[in-house]
Amino acid sequence: MDFNAVEEEEFGFSRNYFLAKEVGSSGKKSARKLSDINVVDEQKLREASANIEQKHQNDVAGLINSCKSLYPKWVFDLRHLD
């Protein structure tokens, strides 16, 4: 099989794939639109996010410290992978 035949076959497959998708689609479309989204004022969003209660602060701090302390080991291990 020469290069042109392979290319023709691949083109035919991709064309048929998309035609099948187009024909096989149920025709149902989502009724949701970008214009349906209620836009929130940025200042109100910042104020609301500032009032979010932080949960598990000790656990998060412990995980961050663990990651920081283990970083040199990870670098060493990754550099010496064979």
PDB file of N, CA and C in Angstrom:
ATOM      1  N   MET A   1       0.863  -1.172   0.000  1.00  0.00           N
ATOM      2  CA  MET A   1       0.000   0.000   0.000  1.00  0.00           C
ATOM      3  C   MET A   1       0.907   1.231   0.000  1.00  0.00           C
ATOM      4  N   ASP A   2       0.711   2.131  -0.937  1.00  0.00           N
ATOM      5  CA  ASP A   2       1.574   3.300  -1.006  1.00  0.00           C
ATOM      6  C   ASP A   2       1.045   4.418  -0.109  1.00  0.00           C
ATOM      7  N   PHE A   3       1.841   5.471   0.012  1.00  0.00           N
ATOM      8  CA  PHE A   3       1.535   6.572   0.913  1.00  0.00           C
ATOM      9  C   PHE A   3       0.210   7.246   0.560  1.00  0.00           C
ATOM     10  N   ASN A   4      -0.038   7.473  -0.729  1.00  0.00           N
ATOM     11  CA  ASN A   4      -1.274   8.143  -1.147  1.00  0.00           C
ATOM     12  C   ASN A   4      -2.509   7.322  -0.797  1.00  0.00           C
ATOM     13  N   ALA A   5      -2.397   6.011  -0.921  1.00  0.00           N
ATOM     14  CA  ALA A   5      -3.527   5.147  -0.586  1.00  0.00           C
ATOM     15  C   ALA A   5      -3.817   5.196   0.915  1.00  0.00           C
ATOM     16  N   VAL A   6      -2.762   5.197   1.718  1.00  0.00           N
ATOM     17  CA  VAL A   6      -2.930   5.271   3.172  1.00  0.00           C
ATOM     18  C   VAL A   6      -3.557   6.600   3.549  1.00  0.00           C
ATOM     19  N   GLU A   7      -3.055   7.681   2.935  1.00  0.00           N
ATOM     20  CA  GLU A   7      -3.592   8.998   3.227  1.00  0.00           C
ATOM     21  C   GLU A   7      -5.064   9.095   2.827  1.00  0.00           C
ATOM     22  N   GLU A   8      -5.406   8.547   1.674  1.00  0.00           N
ATOM     23  CA  GLU A   8      -6.791   8.549   1.189  1.00  0.00           C
ATOM     24  C   GLU A   8      -7.688   7.760   2.142  1.00  0.00           C
ATOM     25  N   GLU A   9      -7.181   6.623   2.605  1.00  0.00           N
ATOM     26  CA  GLU A   9      -7.960   5.786   3.524  1.00  0.00           C
ATOM     27  C   GLU A   9      -8.206   6.518   4.843  1.00  0.00           C
ATOM     28  N   GLU A  10      -7.153   7.179   5.378  1.00  0.00           N
ATOM     29  CA  GLU A  10      -7.297   7.921   6.625  1.00  0.00           C
ATOM     30  C   GLU A  10      -8.279   9.077   6.464  1.00  0.00           C
ATOM     31  N   PHE A  11      -8.212   9.771   5.326  1.00  0.00           N
ATOM     32  CA  PHE A  11      -9.129  10.874   5.070  1.00  0.00           C
ATOM     33  C   PHE A  11     -10.565  10.357   4.994  1.00  0.00           C
ATOM     34  N   GLY A  12     -10.739   9.264   4.322  1.00  0.00           N
ATOM     35  CA  GLY A  12     -12.077   8.684   4.197  1.00  0.00           C
ATOM     36  C   GLY A  12     -12.628   8.274   5.537  1.00  0.00           C
ATOM     37  N   PHE A  13     -11.769   7.699   6.371  1.00  0.00           N
ATOM     38  CA  PHE A  13     -12.207   7.285   7.707  1.00  0.00           C
ATOM     39  C   PHE A  13     -12.644   8.494   8.520  1.00  0.00           C
ATOM     40  N   SER A  14     -11.822   9.547   8.530  1.00  0.00           N
ATOM     41  CA  SER A  14     -12.165  10.713   9.339  1.00  0.00           C
ATOM     42  C   SER A  14     -13.427  11.388   8.815  1.00  0.00           C
ATOM     43  N   ARG A  15     -13.572  11.457   7.493  1.00  0.00           N
ATOM     44  CA  ARG A  15     -14.776  12.059   6.909  1.00  0.00           C
ATOM     45  C   ARG A  15     -16.002  11.236   7.298  1.00  0.00           C
ATOM     46  N   ASN A  16     -15.905   9.915   7.190  1.00  0.00           N
ATOM     47  CA  ASN A  16     -17.024   9.047   7.549  1.00  0.00           C
ATOM     48  C   ASN A  16     -17.342   9.124   9.039  1.00  0.00           C
ATOM     49  N   TYR A  17     -16.318   9.251   9.848  1.00  0.00           N
ATOM     50  CA  TYR A  17     -16.516   9.350  11.298  1.00  0.00           C
ATOM     51  C   TYR A  17     -17.386  10.561  11.627  1.00  0.00           C
ATOM     52  N   PHE A  18     -17.011  11.719  11.064  1.00  0.00           N
ATOM     53  CA  PHE A  18     -17.756  12.930  11.374  1.00  0.00           C
ATOM     54  C   PHE A  18     -19.142  12.926  10.745  1.00  0.00           C
ATOM     55  N   LEU A  19     -19.270  12.344   9.579  1.00  0.00           N
ATOM     56  CA  LEU A  19     -20.598  12.226   8.978  1.00  0.00           C
ATOM     57  C   LEU A  19     -21.499  11.342   9.831  1.00  0.00           C
ATOM     58  N   ALA A  20     -20.946  10.255  10.341  1.00  0.00           N
ATOM     59  CA  ALA A  20     -21.718   9.353  11.189  1.00  0.00           C
ATOM     60  C   ALA A  20     -22.134  10.056  12.475  1.00  0.00           C
ATOM     61  N   LYS A  21     -21.236  10.855  13.027  1.00  0.00           N
ATOM     62  CA  LYS A  21     -21.573  11.596  14.244  1.00  0.00           C
ATOM     63  C   LYS A  21     -22.701  12.588  13.976  1.00  0.00           C
ATOM     64  N   GLU A  22     -22.629  13.240  12.821  1.00  0.00           N
ATOM     65  CA  GLU A  22     -23.641  14.228  12.474  1.00  0.00           C
ATOM     66  C   GLU A  22     -24.997  13.577  12.249  1.00  0.00           C
ATOM     67  N   VAL A  23     -25.016  12.484  11.527  1.00  0.00           N
ATOM     68  CA  VAL A  23     -26.260  11.786  11.218  1.00  0.00           C
ATOM     69  C   VAL A  23     -26.803  11.087  12.454  1.00  0.00           C
ATOM     70  N   GLY A  24     -25.909  10.530  13.266  1.00  0.00           N
ATOM     71  CA  GLY A  24     -26.329   9.751  14.425  1.00  0.00           C
ATOM     72  C   GLY A  24     -26.723  10.574  15.618  1.00  0.00           C
ATOM     73  N   SER A  25     -26.485  11.866  15.565  1.00  0.00           N
ATOM     74  CA  SER A  25     -26.821  12.669  16.738  1.00  0.00           C
ATOM     75  C   SER A  25     -28.336  12.743  16.890  1.00  0.00           C
ATOM     76  N   SER A  26     -28.768  12.832  18.109  1.00  0.00           N
ATOM     77  CA  SER A  26     -30.203  12.805  18.390  1.00  0.00           C
ATOM     78  C   SER A  26     -30.873  14.134  18.094  1.00  0.00           C
ATOM     79  N   GLY A  27     -30.078  15.150  17.862  1.00  0.00           N
ATOM     80  CA  GLY A  27     -30.666  16.447  17.591  1.00  0.00           C
ATOM     81  C   GLY A  27     -30.993  17.223  18.846  1.00  0.00           C
ATOM     82  N   LYS A  28     -30.797  16.614  20.006  1.00  0.00           N
ATOM     83  CA  LYS A  28     -31.067  17.309  21.255  1.00  0.00           C
ATOM     84  C   LYS A  28     -29.906  18.260  21.539  1.00  0.00           C
ATOM     85  N   LYS A  29     -30.235  19.450  21.862  1.00  0.00           N
ATOM     86  CA  LYS A  29     -29.234  20.450  22.203  1.00  0.00           C
ATOM     87  C   LYS A  29     -29.512  20.937  23.615  1.00  0.00           C
ATOM     88  N   SER A  30     -28.478  21.366  24.260  1.00  0.00           N
ATOM     89  CA  SER A  30     -28.639  21.896  25.600  1.00  0.00           C
ATOM     90  C   SER A  30     -29.371  23.228  25.544  1.00  0.00           C
ATOM     91  N   ALA A  31     -30.245  23.445  26.484  1.00  0.00           N
ATOM     92  CA  ALA A  31     -30.989  24.701  26.546  1.00  0.00           C
ATOM     93  C   ALA A  31     -30.213  25.745  27.337  1.00  0.00           C
ATOM     94  N   ARG A  32     -29.100  25.354  27.903  1.00  0.00           N
ATOM     95  CA  ARG A  32     -28.321  26.278  28.716  1.00  0.00           C
ATOM     96  C   ARG A  32     -27.461  27.162  27.826  1.00  0.00           C
ATOM     97  N   LYS A  33     -27.400  28.421  28.195  1.00  0.00           N
ATOM     98  CA  LYS A  33     -26.636  29.378  27.421  1.00  0.00           C
ATOM     99  C   LYS A  33     -25.745  30.168  28.364  1.00  0.00           C
ATOM    100  N   LEU A  34     -24.687  30.690  27.818  1.00  0.00           N
ATOM    101  CA  LEU A  34     -23.783  31.515  28.597  1.00  0.00           C
ATOM    102  C   LEU A  34     -24.507  32.739  29.149  1.00  0.00           C
ATOM    103  N   SER A  35     -25.461  33.224  28.392  1.00  0.00           N
ATOM    104  CA  SER A  35     -26.209  34.410  28.829  1.00  0.00           C
ATOM    105  C   SER A  35     -27.104  34.109  30.033  1.00  0.00           C
ATOM    106  N   ASP A  36     -27.320  32.831  30.345  1.00  0.00           N
ATOM    107  CA  ASP A  36     -28.154  32.460  31.493  1.00  0.00           C
ATOM    108  C   ASP A  36     -27.414  32.586  32.828  1.00  0.00           C
ATOM    109  N   ILE A  37     -26.111  32.755  32.765  1.00  0.00           N
ATOM    110  CA  ILE A  37     -25.313  32.829  33.990  1.00  0.00           C
ATOM    111  C   ILE A  37     -25.496  34.204  34.624  1.00  0.00           C
ATOM    112  N   ASN A  38     -25.773  34.193  35.917  1.00  0.00           N
ATOM    113  CA  ASN A  38     -25.876  35.454  36.652  1.00  0.00           C
ATOM    114  C   ASN A  38     -24.470  35.933  36.983  1.00  0.00           C
ATOM    115  N   VAL A  39     -24.121  37.085  36.472  1.00  0.00           N
ATOM    116  CA  VAL A  39     -22.792  37.643  36.705  1.00  0.00           C
ATOM    117  C   VAL A  39     -22.791  38.339  38.051  1.00  0.00           C
ATOM    118  N   VAL A  40     -21.785  38.006  38.865  1.00  0.00           N
ATOM    119  CA  VAL A  40     -21.667  38.575  40.203  1.00  0.00           C
ATOM    120  C   VAL A  40     -20.625  39.681  40.156  1.00  0.00           C
ATOM    121  N   ASP A  41     -20.885  40.742  40.872  1.00  0.00           N
ATOM    122  CA  ASP A  41     -19.933  41.838  40.972  1.00  0.00           C
ATOM    123  C   ASP A  41     -18.638  41.325  41.611  1.00  0.00           C
ATOM    124  N   GLU A  42     -17.514  41.709  41.044  1.00  0.00           N
ATOM    125  CA  GLU A  42     -16.232  41.200  41.529  1.00  0.00           C
ATOM    126  C   GLU A  42     -15.984  41.568  42.990  1.00  0.00           C
ATOM    127  N   GLN A  43     -16.354  42.769  43.372  1.00  0.00           N
ATOM    128  CA  GLN A  43     -16.144  43.197  44.761  1.00  0.00           C
ATOM    129  C   GLN A  43     -16.963  42.333  45.724  1.00  0.00           C
ATOM    130  N   LYS A  44     -18.197  42.042  45.361  1.00  0.00           N
ATOM    131  CA  LYS A  44     -19.044  41.187  46.210  1.00  0.00           C
ATOM    132  C   LYS A  44     -18.449  39.783  46.307  1.00  0.00           C
ATOM    133  N   LEU A  45     -17.910  39.298  45.203  1.00  0.00           N
ATOM    134  CA  LEU A  45     -17.292  37.978  45.199  1.00  0.00           C
ATOM    135  C   LEU A  45     -16.066  37.955  46.105  1.00  0.00           C
ATOM    136  N   ARG A  46     -15.253  38.996  46.033  1.00  0.00           N
ATOM    137  CA  ARG A  46     -14.070  39.079  46.908  1.00  0.00           C
ATOM    138  C   ARG A  46     -14.476  39.133  48.385  1.00  0.00           C
ATOM    139  N   GLU A  47     -15.498  39.909  48.679  1.00  0.00           N
ATOM    140  CA  GLU A  47     -15.968  40.009  50.063  1.00  0.00           C
ATOM    141  C   GLU A  47     -16.476  38.668  50.563  1.00  0.00           C
ATOM    142  N   ALA A  48     -17.237  37.981  49.722  1.00  0.00           N
ATOM    143  CA  ALA A  48     -17.780  36.683  50.113  1.00  0.00           C
ATOM    144  C   ALA A  48     -16.667  35.666  50.308  1.00  0.00           C
ATOM    145  N   SER A  49     -15.682  35.684  49.429  1.00  0.00           N
ATOM    146  CA  SER A  49     -14.595  34.702  49.557  1.00  0.00           C
ATOM    147  C   SER A  49     -13.725  34.987  50.769  1.00  0.00           C
ATOM    148  N   ALA A  50     -13.644  36.256  51.182  1.00  0.00           N
ATOM    149  CA  ALA A  50     -12.868  36.599  52.372  1.00  0.00           C
ATOM    150  C   ALA A  50     -13.536  36.067  53.636  1.00  0.00           C
ATOM    151  N   ASN A  51     -14.841  35.834  53.578  1.00  0.00           N
ATOM    152  CA  ASN A  51     -15.587  35.366  54.753  1.00  0.00           C
ATOM    153  C   ASN A  51     -15.726  33.851  54.826  1.00  0.00           C
ATOM    154  N   ILE A  52     -15.107  33.145  53.905  1.00  0.00           N
ATOM    155  CA  ILE A  52     -15.202  31.682  53.936  1.00  0.00           C
ATOM    156  C   ILE A  52     -14.361  31.152  55.094  1.00  0.00           C
ATOM    157  N   GLU A  53     -14.990  30.317  55.885  1.00  0.00           N
ATOM    158  CA  GLU A  53     -14.307  29.748  57.044  1.00  0.00           C
ATOM    159  C   GLU A  53     -13.288  28.709  56.588  1.00  0.00           C
ATOM    160  N   GLN A  54     -12.074  28.858  57.075  1.00  0.00           N
ATOM    161  CA  GLN A  54     -11.027  27.892  56.758  1.00  0.00           C
ATOM    162  C   GLN A  54     -11.213  26.656  57.623  1.00  0.00           C
ATOM    163  N   LYS A  55     -11.215  25.496  56.994  1.00  0.00           N
ATOM    164  CA  LYS A  55     -11.367  24.239  57.724  1.00  0.00           C
ATOM    165  C   LYS A  55     -10.060  23.468  57.652  1.00  0.00           C
ATOM    166  N   HIS A  56      -9.793  22.703  58.634  1.00  0.00           N
ATOM    167  CA  HIS A  56      -8.646  21.801  58.666  1.00  0.00           C
ATOM    168  C   HIS A  56      -7.316  22.546  58.500  1.00  0.00           C
ATOM    169  N   GLN A  57      -7.212  23.722  59.124  1.00  0.00           N
ATOM    170  CA  GLN A  57      -5.999  24.524  58.987  1.00  0.00           C
ATOM    171  C   GLN A  57      -4.755  23.772  59.437  1.00  0.00           C
ATOM    172  N   ASN A  58      -4.855  23.045  60.538  1.00  0.00           N
ATOM    173  CA  ASN A  58      -3.690  22.311  61.045  1.00  0.00           C
ATOM    174  C   ASN A  58      -3.278  21.206  60.080  1.00  0.00           C
ATOM    175  N   ASP A  59      -4.261  20.500  59.512  1.00  0.00           N
ATOM    176  CA  ASP A  59      -3.956  19.430  58.561  1.00  0.00           C
ATOM    177  C   ASP A  59      -3.311  19.983  57.298  1.00  0.00           C
ATOM    178  N   VAL A  60      -3.854  21.086  56.789  1.00  0.00           N
ATOM    179  CA  VAL A  60      -3.307  21.706  55.582  1.00  0.00           C
ATOM    180  C   VAL A  60      -1.882  22.186  55.834  1.00  0.00           C
ATOM    181  N   ALA A  61      -1.663  22.845  56.964  1.00  0.00           N
ATOM    182  CA  ALA A  61      -0.318  23.328  57.299  1.00  0.00           C
ATOM    183  C   ALA A  61       0.653  22.165  57.426  1.00  0.00           C
ATOM    184  N   GLY A  62       0.211  21.071  58.032  1.00  0.00           N
ATOM    185  CA  GLY A  62       1.067  19.888  58.158  1.00  0.00           C
ATOM    186  C   GLY A  62       1.434  19.294  56.803  1.00  0.00           C
ATOM    187  N   LEU A  63       0.461  19.231  55.904  1.00  0.00           N
ATOM    188  CA  LEU A  63       0.741  18.702  54.564  1.00  0.00           C
ATOM    189  C   LEU A  63       1.708  19.603  53.797  1.00  0.00           C
ATOM    190  N   ILE A  64       1.527  20.911  53.906  1.00  0.00           N
ATOM    191  CA  ILE A  64       2.427  21.837  53.220  1.00  0.00           C
ATOM    192  C   ILE A  64       3.839  21.698  53.768  1.00  0.00           C
ATOM    193  N   ASN A  65       3.971  21.621  55.079  1.00  0.00           N
ATOM    194  CA  ASN A  65       5.304  21.452  55.684  1.00  0.00           C
ATOM    195  C   ASN A  65       5.932  20.134  55.274  1.00  0.00           C
ATOM    196  N   SER A  66       5.123  19.090  55.204  1.00  0.00           N
ATOM    197  CA  SER A  66       5.627  17.788  54.787  1.00  0.00           C
ATOM    198  C   SER A  66       6.139  17.842  53.350  1.00  0.00           C
ATOM    199  N   CYS A  67       5.383  18.481  52.485  1.00  0.00           N
ATOM    200  CA  CYS A  67       5.807  18.613  51.082  1.00  0.00           C
ATOM    201  C   CYS A  67       7.102  19.399  50.973  1.00  0.00           C
ATOM    202  N   LYS A  68       7.191  20.482  51.729  1.00  0.00           N
ATOM    203  CA  LYS A  68       8.403  21.309  51.694  1.00  0.00           C
ATOM    204  C   LYS A  68       9.615  20.530  52.193  1.00  0.00           C
ATOM    205  N   SER A  69       9.434  19.764  53.251  1.00  0.00           N
ATOM    206  CA  SER A  69      10.576  19.033  53.805  1.00  0.00           C
ATOM    207  C   SER A  69      10.970  17.835  52.940  1.00  0.00           C
ATOM    208  N   LEU A  70      10.016  17.258  52.222  1.00  0.00           N
ATOM    209  CA  LEU A  70      10.325  16.101  51.378  1.00  0.00           C
ATOM    210  C   LEU A  70      10.779  16.481  49.972  1.00  0.00           C
ATOM    211  N   TYR A  71      10.663  17.759  49.592  1.00  0.00           N
ATOM    212  CA  TYR A  71      11.010  18.174  48.241  1.00  0.00           C
ATOM    213  C   TYR A  71      12.444  17.794  47.851  1.00  0.00           C
ATOM    214  N   PRO A  72      13.453  18.045  48.702  1.00  0.00           N
ATOM    215  CA  PRO A  72      14.816  17.649  48.310  1.00  0.00           C
ATOM    216  C   PRO A  72      14.945  16.147  48.044  1.00  0.00           C
ATOM    217  N   LYS A  73      14.221  15.339  48.803  1.00  0.00           N
ATOM    218  CA  LYS A  73      14.261  13.887  48.581  1.00  0.00           C
ATOM    219  C   LYS A  73      13.639  13.549  47.227  1.00  0.00           C
ATOM    220  N   TRP A  74      12.537  14.195  46.878  1.00  0.00           N
ATOM    221  CA  TRP A  74      11.889  13.939  45.588  1.00  0.00           C
ATOM    222  C   TRP A  74      12.816  14.321  44.434  1.00  0.00           C
ATOM    223  N   VAL A  75      13.478  15.467  44.584  1.00  0.00           N
ATOM    224  CA  VAL A  75      14.401  15.904  43.537  1.00  0.00           C
ATOM    225  C   VAL A  75      15.517  14.887  43.376  1.00  0.00           C
ATOM    226  N   PHE A  76      16.081  14.448  44.486  1.00  0.00           N
ATOM    227  CA  PHE A  76      17.155  13.458  44.444  1.00  0.00           C
ATOM    228  C   PHE A  76      16.676  12.169  43.771  1.00  0.00           C
ATOM    229  N   ASP A  77      15.524  11.673  44.214  1.00  0.00           N
ATOM    230  CA  ASP A  77      14.991  10.425  43.653  1.00  0.00           C
ATOM    231  C   ASP A  77      14.710  10.553  42.154  1.00  0.00           C
ATOM    232  N   LEU A  78      14.137  11.663  41.736  1.00  0.00           N
ATOM    233  CA  LEU A  78      13.809  11.843  40.328  1.00  0.00           C
ATOM    234  C   LEU A  78      15.059  11.983  39.460  1.00  0.00           C
ATOM    235  N   ARG A  79      16.092  12.598  40.006  1.00  0.00           N
ATOM    236  CA  ARG A  79      17.335  12.745  39.232  1.00  0.00           C
ATOM    237  C   ARG A  79      18.078  11.430  39.087  1.00  0.00           C
ATOM    238  N   HIS A  80      17.814  10.494  39.980  1.00  0.00           N
ATOM    239  CA  HIS A  80      18.555   9.228  39.960  1.00  0.00           C
ATOM    240  C   HIS A  80      17.694   8.050  39.505  1.00  0.00           C
ATOM    241  N   LEU A  81      16.627   8.331  38.783  1.00  0.00           N
ATOM    242  CA  LEU A  81      15.821   7.253  38.227  1.00  0.00           C
ATOM    243  C   LEU A  81      16.553   6.585  37.078  1.00  0.00           C
ATOM    244  N   ASP A  82      16.511   5.319  37.036  1.00  0.00           N
ATOM    245  CA  ASP A  82      17.124   4.567  35.912  1.00  0.00           C
ATOM    246  C   ASP A  82      16.172   3.557  35.386  1.00  0.00           C
TER     247      ASP A  82
END
